[in-house]
């Protein structure tokens, strides 16, 4: 049988100074998913919910910024701007 590909996530030289654990990003992502899949808020609460969702998205982007994913020897730099 063939080798299974390994995906390694590494911190690049530019970007975040602290190492971000995948579990931390997973927790933020699941929190975002829960927030987006909850029933619509009452009148007047839409803006507050929008701000909370936007804040979560920005936290996830900030944590992922400066990280790169290595696929079997090649490097793909992820820049989602």
PDB file of N, CA and C in Angstrom:
ATOM      1  N   UNK A   1       0.841  -1.175   0.000  1.00  0.00           N
ATOM      2  CA  UNK A   1       0.000   0.000   0.000  1.00  0.00           C
ATOM      3  C   UNK A   1       0.889   1.243   0.000  1.00  0.00           C
ATOM      4  N   UNK A   2       0.368   2.330  -0.532  1.00  0.00           N
ATOM      5  CA  UNK A   2       1.125   3.565  -0.647  1.00  0.00           C
ATOM      6  C   UNK A   2       1.197   4.335   0.655  1.00  0.00           C
ATOM      7  N   UNK A   3       2.058   5.342   0.639  1.00  0.00           N
ATOM      8  CA  UNK A   3       2.195   6.206   1.813  1.00  0.00           C
ATOM      9  C   UNK A   3       0.982   7.113   1.933  1.00  0.00           C
ATOM     10  N   UNK A   4       0.614   7.375   3.143  1.00  0.00           N
ATOM     11  CA  UNK A   4      -0.443   8.355   3.370  1.00  0.00           C
ATOM     12  C   UNK A   4       0.220   9.722   3.469  1.00  0.00           C
ATOM     13  N   UNK A   5      -0.393  10.707   2.850  1.00  0.00           N
ATOM     14  CA  UNK A   5       0.209  12.037   2.861  1.00  0.00           C
ATOM     15  C   UNK A   5       0.070  12.651   4.244  1.00  0.00           C
ATOM     16  N   UNK A   6       1.103  13.314   4.651  1.00  0.00           N
ATOM     17  CA  UNK A   6       1.083  14.005   5.936  1.00  0.00           C
ATOM     18  C   UNK A   6       1.003  15.493   5.677  1.00  0.00           C
ATOM     19  N   UNK A   7       0.144  16.143   6.405  1.00  0.00           N
ATOM     20  CA  UNK A   7       0.020  17.591   6.289  1.00  0.00           C
ATOM     21  C   UNK A   7       0.591  18.182   7.563  1.00  0.00           C
ATOM     22  N   UNK A   8       1.593  19.044   7.400  1.00  0.00           N
ATOM     23  CA  UNK A   8       2.214  19.697   8.541  1.00  0.00           C
ATOM     24  C   UNK A   8       1.889  21.178   8.484  1.00  0.00           C
ATOM     25  N   UNK A   9       1.521  21.725   9.616  1.00  0.00           N
ATOM     26  CA  UNK A   9       1.266  23.157   9.703  1.00  0.00           C
ATOM     27  C   UNK A   9       2.423  23.775  10.465  1.00  0.00           C
ATOM     28  N   UNK A  10       3.048  24.766   9.858  1.00  0.00           N
ATOM     29  CA  UNK A  10       4.204  25.398  10.467  1.00  0.00           C
ATOM     30  C   UNK A  10       4.009  26.901  10.517  1.00  0.00           C
ATOM     31  N   UNK A  11       4.698  27.509  11.461  1.00  0.00           N
ATOM     32  CA  UNK A  11       4.686  28.964  11.554  1.00  0.00           C
ATOM     33  C   UNK A  11       5.793  29.494  10.663  1.00  0.00           C
ATOM     34  N   UNK A  12       5.477  30.443   9.814  1.00  0.00           N
ATOM     35  CA  UNK A  12       6.501  31.021   8.944  1.00  0.00           C
ATOM     36  C   UNK A  12       7.236  32.125   9.689  1.00  0.00           C
ATOM     37  N   UNK A  13       8.276  32.652   9.079  1.00  0.00           N
ATOM     38  CA  UNK A  13       9.086  33.687   9.706  1.00  0.00           C
ATOM     39  C   UNK A  13       8.319  34.969   9.959  1.00  0.00           C
ATOM     40  N   UNK A  14       7.372  35.303   9.079  1.00  0.00           N
ATOM     41  CA  UNK A  14       6.587  36.518   9.282  1.00  0.00           C
ATOM     42  C   UNK A  14       5.212  36.132   9.787  1.00  0.00           C
ATOM     43  N   UNK A  15       4.633  36.953  10.599  1.00  0.00           N
ATOM     44  CA  UNK A  15       3.287  36.669  11.082  1.00  0.00           C
ATOM     45  C   UNK A  15       3.252  36.600  12.593  1.00  0.00           C
ATOM     46  N   UNK A  16       2.433  35.722  13.109  1.00  0.00           N
ATOM     47  CA  UNK A  16       2.219  35.617  14.542  1.00  0.00           C
ATOM     48  C   UNK A  16       3.501  35.190  15.256  1.00  0.00           C
ATOM     49  N   UNK A  17       3.714  35.703  16.455  1.00  0.00           N
ATOM     50  CA  UNK A  17       4.919  35.377  17.201  1.00  0.00           C
ATOM     51  C   UNK A  17       4.730  34.126  18.037  1.00  0.00           C
ATOM     52  N   UNK A  18       3.535  33.810  18.446  1.00  0.00           N
ATOM     53  CA  UNK A  18       3.283  32.630  19.258  1.00  0.00           C
ATOM     54  C   UNK A  18       2.722  31.514  18.393  1.00  0.00           C
ATOM     55  N   UNK A  19       3.021  30.273  18.788  1.00  0.00           N
ATOM     56  CA  UNK A  19       2.503  29.127  18.059  1.00  0.00           C
ATOM     57  C   UNK A  19       1.039  28.947  18.422  1.00  0.00           C
ATOM     58  N   UNK A  20       0.208  28.793  17.412  1.00  0.00           N
ATOM     59  CA  UNK A  20      -1.223  28.630  17.619  1.00  0.00           C
ATOM     60  C   UNK A  20      -1.551  27.160  17.445  1.00  0.00           C
ATOM     61  N   UNK A  21      -2.221  26.592  18.425  1.00  0.00           N
ATOM     62  CA  UNK A  21      -2.561  25.177  18.329  1.00  0.00           C
ATOM     63  C   UNK A  21      -3.774  24.995  17.420  1.00  0.00           C
ATOM     64  N   UNK A  22      -3.792  23.898  16.673  1.00  0.00           N
ATOM     65  CA  UNK A  22      -4.951  23.621  15.820  1.00  0.00           C
ATOM     66  C   UNK A  22      -6.239  23.497  16.637  1.00  0.00           C
ATOM     67  N   UNK A  23      -6.116  23.038  17.886  1.00  0.00           N
ATOM     68  CA  UNK A  23      -7.291  22.898  18.746  1.00  0.00           C
ATOM     69  C   UNK A  23      -7.915  24.260  19.043  1.00  0.00           C
ATOM     70  N   UNK A  24      -7.070  25.270  19.197  1.00  0.00           N
ATOM     71  CA  UNK A  24      -7.560  26.625  19.468  1.00  0.00           C
ATOM     72  C   UNK A  24      -8.360  27.153  18.273  1.00  0.00           C
ATOM     73  N   UNK A  25      -7.843  26.926  17.071  1.00  0.00           N
ATOM     74  CA  UNK A  25      -8.551  27.350  15.863  1.00  0.00           C
ATOM     75  C   UNK A  25      -9.838  26.553  15.707  1.00  0.00           C
ATOM     76  N   UNK A  26      -9.786  25.258  16.028  1.00  0.00           N
ATOM     77  CA  UNK A  26     -10.978  24.413  15.949  1.00  0.00           C
ATOM     78  C   UNK A  26     -12.060  24.902  16.906  1.00  0.00           C
ATOM     79  N   UNK A  27     -11.674  25.296  18.111  1.00  0.00           N
ATOM     80  CA  UNK A  27     -12.639  25.816  19.082  1.00  0.00           C
ATOM     81  C   UNK A  27     -13.294  27.103  18.585  1.00  0.00           C
ATOM     82  N   UNK A  28     -12.489  28.004  18.029  1.00  0.00           N
ATOM     83  CA  UNK A  28     -13.045  29.250  17.490  1.00  0.00           C
ATOM     84  C   UNK A  28     -13.980  28.968  16.317  1.00  0.00           C
ATOM     85  N   UNK A  29     -13.593  28.007  15.474  1.00  0.00           N
ATOM     86  CA  UNK A  29     -14.414  27.656  14.317  1.00  0.00           C
ATOM     87  C   UNK A  29     -15.738  27.047  14.748  1.00  0.00           C
ATOM     88  N   UNK A  30     -15.711  26.168  15.747  1.00  0.00           N
ATOM     89  CA  UNK A  30     -16.966  25.568  16.210  1.00  0.00           C
ATOM     90  C   UNK A  30     -17.858  26.608  16.882  1.00  0.00           C
ATOM     91  N   UNK A  31     -17.249  27.565  17.578  1.00  0.00           N
ATOM     92  CA  UNK A  31     -18.021  28.660  18.178  1.00  0.00           C
ATOM     93  C   UNK A  31     -18.692  29.500  17.092  1.00  0.00           C
ATOM     94  N   UNK A  32     -17.952  29.759  16.013  1.00  0.00           N
ATOM     95  CA  UNK A  32     -18.502  30.511  14.884  1.00  0.00           C
ATOM     96  C   UNK A  32     -19.644  29.741  14.230  1.00  0.00           C
ATOM     97  N   UNK A  33     -19.469  28.439  14.053  1.00  0.00           N
ATOM     98  CA  UNK A  33     -20.507  27.610  13.446  1.00  0.00           C
ATOM     99  C   UNK A  33     -21.773  27.603  14.296  1.00  0.00           C
ATOM    100  N   UNK A  34     -21.617  27.498  15.608  1.00  0.00           N
ATOM    101  CA  UNK A  34     -22.783  27.537  16.500  1.00  0.00           C
ATOM    102  C   UNK A  34     -23.504  28.875  16.396  1.00  0.00           C
ATOM    103  N   UNK A  35     -22.728  29.947  16.367  1.00  0.00           N
ATOM    104  CA  UNK A  35     -23.313  31.289  16.296  1.00  0.00           C
ATOM    105  C   UNK A  35     -24.092  31.467  14.992  1.00  0.00           C
ATOM    106  N   UNK A  36     -23.530  30.964  13.889  1.00  0.00           N
ATOM    107  CA  UNK A  36     -24.172  31.136  12.582  1.00  0.00           C
ATOM    108  C   UNK A  36     -25.366  30.211  12.387  1.00  0.00           C
ATOM    109  N   UNK A  37     -25.392  29.076  13.071  1.00  0.00           N
ATOM    110  CA  UNK A  37     -26.486  28.125  12.881  1.00  0.00           C
ATOM    111  C   UNK A  37     -27.603  28.292  13.913  1.00  0.00           C
ATOM    112  N   UNK A  38     -27.457  29.237  14.825  1.00  0.00           N
ATOM    113  CA  UNK A  38     -28.506  29.481  15.814  1.00  0.00           C
ATOM    114  C   UNK A  38     -29.670  30.227  15.158  1.00  0.00           C
ATOM    115  N   UNK A  39     -30.851  30.144  15.761  1.00  0.00           N
ATOM    116  CA  UNK A  39     -32.006  30.862  15.191  1.00  0.00           C
ATOM    117  C   UNK A  39     -31.748  32.364  15.110  1.00  0.00           C
ATOM    118  N   UNK A  40     -32.441  33.001  14.199  1.00  0.00           N
ATOM    119  CA  UNK A  40     -32.280  34.445  13.997  1.00  0.00           C
ATOM    120  C   UNK A  40     -32.641  35.199  15.276  1.00  0.00           C
ATOM    121  N   UNK A  41     -31.863  36.230  15.602  1.00  0.00           N
ATOM    122  CA  UNK A  41     -32.152  37.016  16.808  1.00  0.00           C
ATOM    123  C   UNK A  41     -33.385  37.893  16.607  1.00  0.00           C
ATOM    124  N   UNK A  42     -33.874  38.400  17.696  1.00  0.00           N
ATOM    125  CA  UNK A  42     -35.036  39.275  17.637  1.00  0.00           C
ATOM    126  C   UNK A  42     -34.704  40.599  16.976  1.00  0.00           C
ATOM    127  N   UNK A  43     -35.731  41.393  16.716  1.00  0.00           N
ATOM    128  CA  UNK A  43     -35.516  42.703  16.084  1.00  0.00           C
ATOM    129  C   UNK A  43     -34.579  43.570  16.933  1.00  0.00           C
ATOM    130  N   UNK A  44     -33.682  44.254  16.268  1.00  0.00           N
ATOM    131  CA  UNK A  44     -32.748  45.125  16.970  1.00  0.00           C
ATOM    132  C   UNK A  44     -31.488  44.420  17.443  1.00  0.00           C
ATOM    133  N   UNK A  45     -31.460  43.095  17.384  1.00  0.00           N
ATOM    134  CA  UNK A  45     -30.299  42.334  17.848  1.00  0.00           C
ATOM    135  C   UNK A  45     -29.408  41.883  16.690  1.00  0.00           C
ATOM    136  N   UNK A  46     -29.835  42.141  15.457  1.00  0.00           N
ATOM    137  CA  UNK A  46     -29.068  41.670  14.299  1.00  0.00           C
ATOM    138  C   UNK A  46     -27.669  42.275  14.270  1.00  0.00           C
ATOM    139  N   UNK A  47     -27.578  43.562  14.561  1.00  0.00           N
ATOM    140  CA  UNK A  47     -26.282  44.229  14.495  1.00  0.00           C
ATOM    141  C   UNK A  47     -25.326  43.660  15.540  1.00  0.00           C
ATOM    142  N   UNK A  48     -25.834  43.419  16.741  1.00  0.00           N
ATOM    143  CA  UNK A  48     -25.014  42.852  17.809  1.00  0.00           C
ATOM    144  C   UNK A  48     -24.487  41.466  17.410  1.00  0.00           C
ATOM    145  N   UNK A  49     -25.355  40.661  16.802  1.00  0.00           N
ATOM    146  CA  UNK A  49     -24.931  39.330  16.359  1.00  0.00           C
ATOM    147  C   UNK A  49     -23.908  39.440  15.222  1.00  0.00           C
ATOM    148  N   UNK A  50     -24.120  40.376  14.315  1.00  0.00           N
ATOM    149  CA  UNK A  50     -23.173  40.594  13.217  1.00  0.00           C
ATOM    150  C   UNK A  50     -21.789  40.942  13.766  1.00  0.00           C
ATOM    151  N   UNK A  51     -21.745  41.819  14.757  1.00  0.00           N
ATOM    152  CA  UNK A  51     -20.472  42.237  15.341  1.00  0.00           C
ATOM    153  C   UNK A  51     -19.782  41.046  16.004  1.00  0.00           C
ATOM    154  N   UNK A  52     -20.546  40.194  16.695  1.00  0.00           N
ATOM    155  CA  UNK A  52     -19.965  39.012  17.334  1.00  0.00           C
ATOM    156  C   UNK A  52     -19.393  38.044  16.297  1.00  0.00           C
ATOM    157  N   UNK A  53     -20.126  37.834  15.212  1.00  0.00           N
ATOM    158  CA  UNK A  53     -19.663  36.941  14.145  1.00  0.00           C
ATOM    159  C   UNK A  53     -18.414  37.519  13.495  1.00  0.00           C
ATOM    160  N   UNK A  54     -18.439  38.802  13.214  1.00  0.00           N
ATOM    161  CA  UNK A  54     -17.289  39.467  12.591  1.00  0.00           C
ATOM    162  C   UNK A  54     -16.049  39.362  13.477  1.00  0.00           C
ATOM    163  N   UNK A  55     -16.223  39.517  14.792  1.00  0.00           N
ATOM    164  CA  UNK A  55     -15.116  39.411  15.736  1.00  0.00           C
ATOM    165  C   UNK A  55     -14.516  38.008  15.720  1.00  0.00           C
ATOM    166  N   UNK A  56     -15.373  36.984  15.695  1.00  0.00           N
ATOM    167  CA  UNK A  56     -14.883  35.605  15.637  1.00  0.00           C
ATOM    168  C   UNK A  56     -14.103  35.342  14.351  1.00  0.00           C
ATOM    169  N   UNK A  57     -14.623  35.833  13.232  1.00  0.00           N
ATOM    170  CA  UNK A  57     -13.942  35.647  11.946  1.00  0.00           C
ATOM    171  C   UNK A  57     -12.570  36.321  11.973  1.00  0.00           C
ATOM    172  N   UNK A  58     -12.495  37.520  12.523  1.00  0.00           N
ATOM    173  CA  UNK A  58     -11.218  38.231  12.598  1.00  0.00           C
ATOM    174  C   UNK A  58     -10.228  37.504  13.502  1.00  0.00           C
ATOM    175  N   UNK A  59     -10.705  36.921  14.613  1.00  0.00           N
ATOM    176  CA  UNK A  59      -9.826  36.153  15.496  1.00  0.00           C
ATOM    177  C   UNK A  59      -9.244  34.955  14.755  1.00  0.00           C
ATOM    178  N   UNK A  60     -10.093  34.256  13.991  1.00  0.00           N
ATOM    179  CA  UNK A  60      -9.636  33.086  13.236  1.00  0.00           C
ATOM    180  C   UNK A  60      -8.620  33.512  12.187  1.00  0.00           C
ATOM    181  N   UNK A  61      -8.895  34.586  11.464  1.00  0.00           N
ATOM    182  CA  UNK A  61      -7.956  35.074  10.441  1.00  0.00           C
ATOM    183  C   UNK A  61      -6.616  35.459  11.048  1.00  0.00           C
ATOM    184  N   UNK A  62      -6.657  36.135  12.194  1.00  0.00           N
ATOM    185  CA  UNK A  62      -5.431  36.575  12.841  1.00  0.00           C
ATOM    186  C   UNK A  62      -4.592  35.376  13.283  1.00  0.00           C
ATOM    187  N   UNK A  63      -5.254  34.330  13.775  1.00  0.00           N
ATOM    188  CA  UNK A  63      -4.529  33.143  14.227  1.00  0.00           C
ATOM    189  C   UNK A  63      -3.946  32.368  13.055  1.00  0.00           C
ATOM    190  N   UNK A  64      -4.640  32.377  11.913  1.00  0.00           N
ATOM    191  CA  UNK A  64      -4.164  31.636  10.749  1.00  0.00           C
ATOM    192  C   UNK A  64      -3.142  32.421   9.938  1.00  0.00           C
ATOM    193  N   UNK A  65      -3.085  33.718  10.119  1.00  0.00           N
ATOM    194  CA  UNK A  65      -2.162  34.551   9.341  1.00  0.00           C
ATOM    195  C   UNK A  65      -0.719  34.167   9.674  1.00  0.00           C
ATOM    196  N   UNK A  66       0.082  34.046   8.643  1.00  0.00           N
ATOM    197  CA  UNK A  66       1.481  33.715   8.860  1.00  0.00           C
ATOM    198  C   UNK A  66       1.751  32.233   9.002  1.00  0.00           C
ATOM    199  N   UNK A  67       0.735  31.405   8.849  1.00  0.00           N
ATOM    200  CA  UNK A  67       0.934  29.955   8.930  1.00  0.00           C
ATOM    201  C   UNK A  67       0.997  29.402   7.519  1.00  0.00           C
ATOM    202  N   UNK A  68       1.762  28.352   7.359  1.00  0.00           N
ATOM    203  CA  UNK A  68       1.828  27.738   6.043  1.00  0.00           C
ATOM    204  C   UNK A  68       1.591  26.240   6.178  1.00  0.00           C
ATOM    205  N   UNK A  69       1.123  25.642   5.114  1.00  0.00           N
ATOM    206  CA  UNK A  69       0.823  24.220   5.098  1.00  0.00           C
ATOM    207  C   UNK A  69       1.765  23.561   4.104  1.00  0.00           C
ATOM    208  N   UNK A  70       2.429  22.490   4.520  1.00  0.00           N
ATOM    209  CA  UNK A  70       3.384  21.797   3.664  1.00  0.00           C
ATOM    210  C   UNK A  70       2.763  20.486   3.210  1.00  0.00           C
ATOM    211  N   UNK A  71       2.658  20.288   1.893  1.00  0.00           N
ATOM    212  CA  UNK A  71       2.136  19.063   1.312  1.00  0.00           C
ATOM    213  C   UNK A  71       3.269  18.320   0.623  1.00  0.00           C
ATOM    214  N   UNK A  72       3.680  17.190   1.130  1.00  0.00           N
ATOM    215  CA  UNK A  72       4.667  16.303   0.510  1.00  0.00           C
ATOM    216  C   UNK A  72       5.820  17.054  -0.154  1.00  0.00           C
ATOM    217  N   UNK A  73       6.482  17.904   0.571  1.00  0.00           N
ATOM    218  CA  UNK A  73       7.663  18.580   0.058  1.00  0.00           C
ATOM    219  C   UNK A  73       7.415  19.921  -0.598  1.00  0.00           C
ATOM    220  N   UNK A  74       6.208  20.171  -1.055  1.00  0.00           N
ATOM    221  CA  UNK A  74       5.928  21.476  -1.647  1.00  0.00           C
ATOM    222  C   UNK A  74       5.282  22.367  -0.600  1.00  0.00           C
ATOM    223  N   UNK A  75       5.445  23.655  -0.752  1.00  0.00           N
ATOM    224  CA  UNK A  75       4.902  24.596   0.215  1.00  0.00           C
ATOM    225  C   UNK A  75       3.820  25.432  -0.434  1.00  0.00           C
ATOM    226  N   UNK A  76       2.685  25.498   0.237  1.00  0.00           N
ATOM    227  CA  UNK A  76       1.614  26.379  -0.208  1.00  0.00           C
ATOM    228  C   UNK A  76       1.399  27.393   0.900  1.00  0.00           C
ATOM    229  N   UNK A  77       1.573  28.652   0.585  1.00  0.00           N
ATOM    230  CA  UNK A  77       1.372  29.707   1.570  1.00  0.00           C
ATOM    231  C   UNK A  77      -0.061  30.181   1.452  1.00  0.00           C
ATOM    232  N   UNK A  78      -0.756  30.172   2.590  1.00  0.00           N
ATOM    233  CA  UNK A  78      -2.155  30.571   2.574  1.00  0.00           C
ATOM    234  C   UNK A  78      -2.279  32.014   3.012  1.00  0.00           C
ATOM    235  N   UNK A  79      -2.788  32.835   2.129  1.00  0.00           N
ATOM    236  CA  UNK A  79      -3.054  34.245   2.419  1.00  0.00           C
ATOM    237  C   UNK A  79      -4.476  34.545   1.998  1.00  0.00           C
ATOM    238  N   UNK A  80      -5.399  34.495   2.945  1.00  0.00           N
ATOM    239  CA  UNK A  80      -6.802  34.779   2.649  1.00  0.00           C
ATOM    240  C   UNK A  80      -7.113  36.207   3.047  1.00  0.00           C
ATOM    241  N   UNK A  81      -6.996  37.120   2.114  1.00  0.00           N
ATOM    242  CA  UNK A  81      -7.270  38.527   2.422  1.00  0.00           C
ATOM    243  C   UNK A  81      -8.460  39.013   1.671  1.00  0.00           C
TER     244      UNK A  81
END
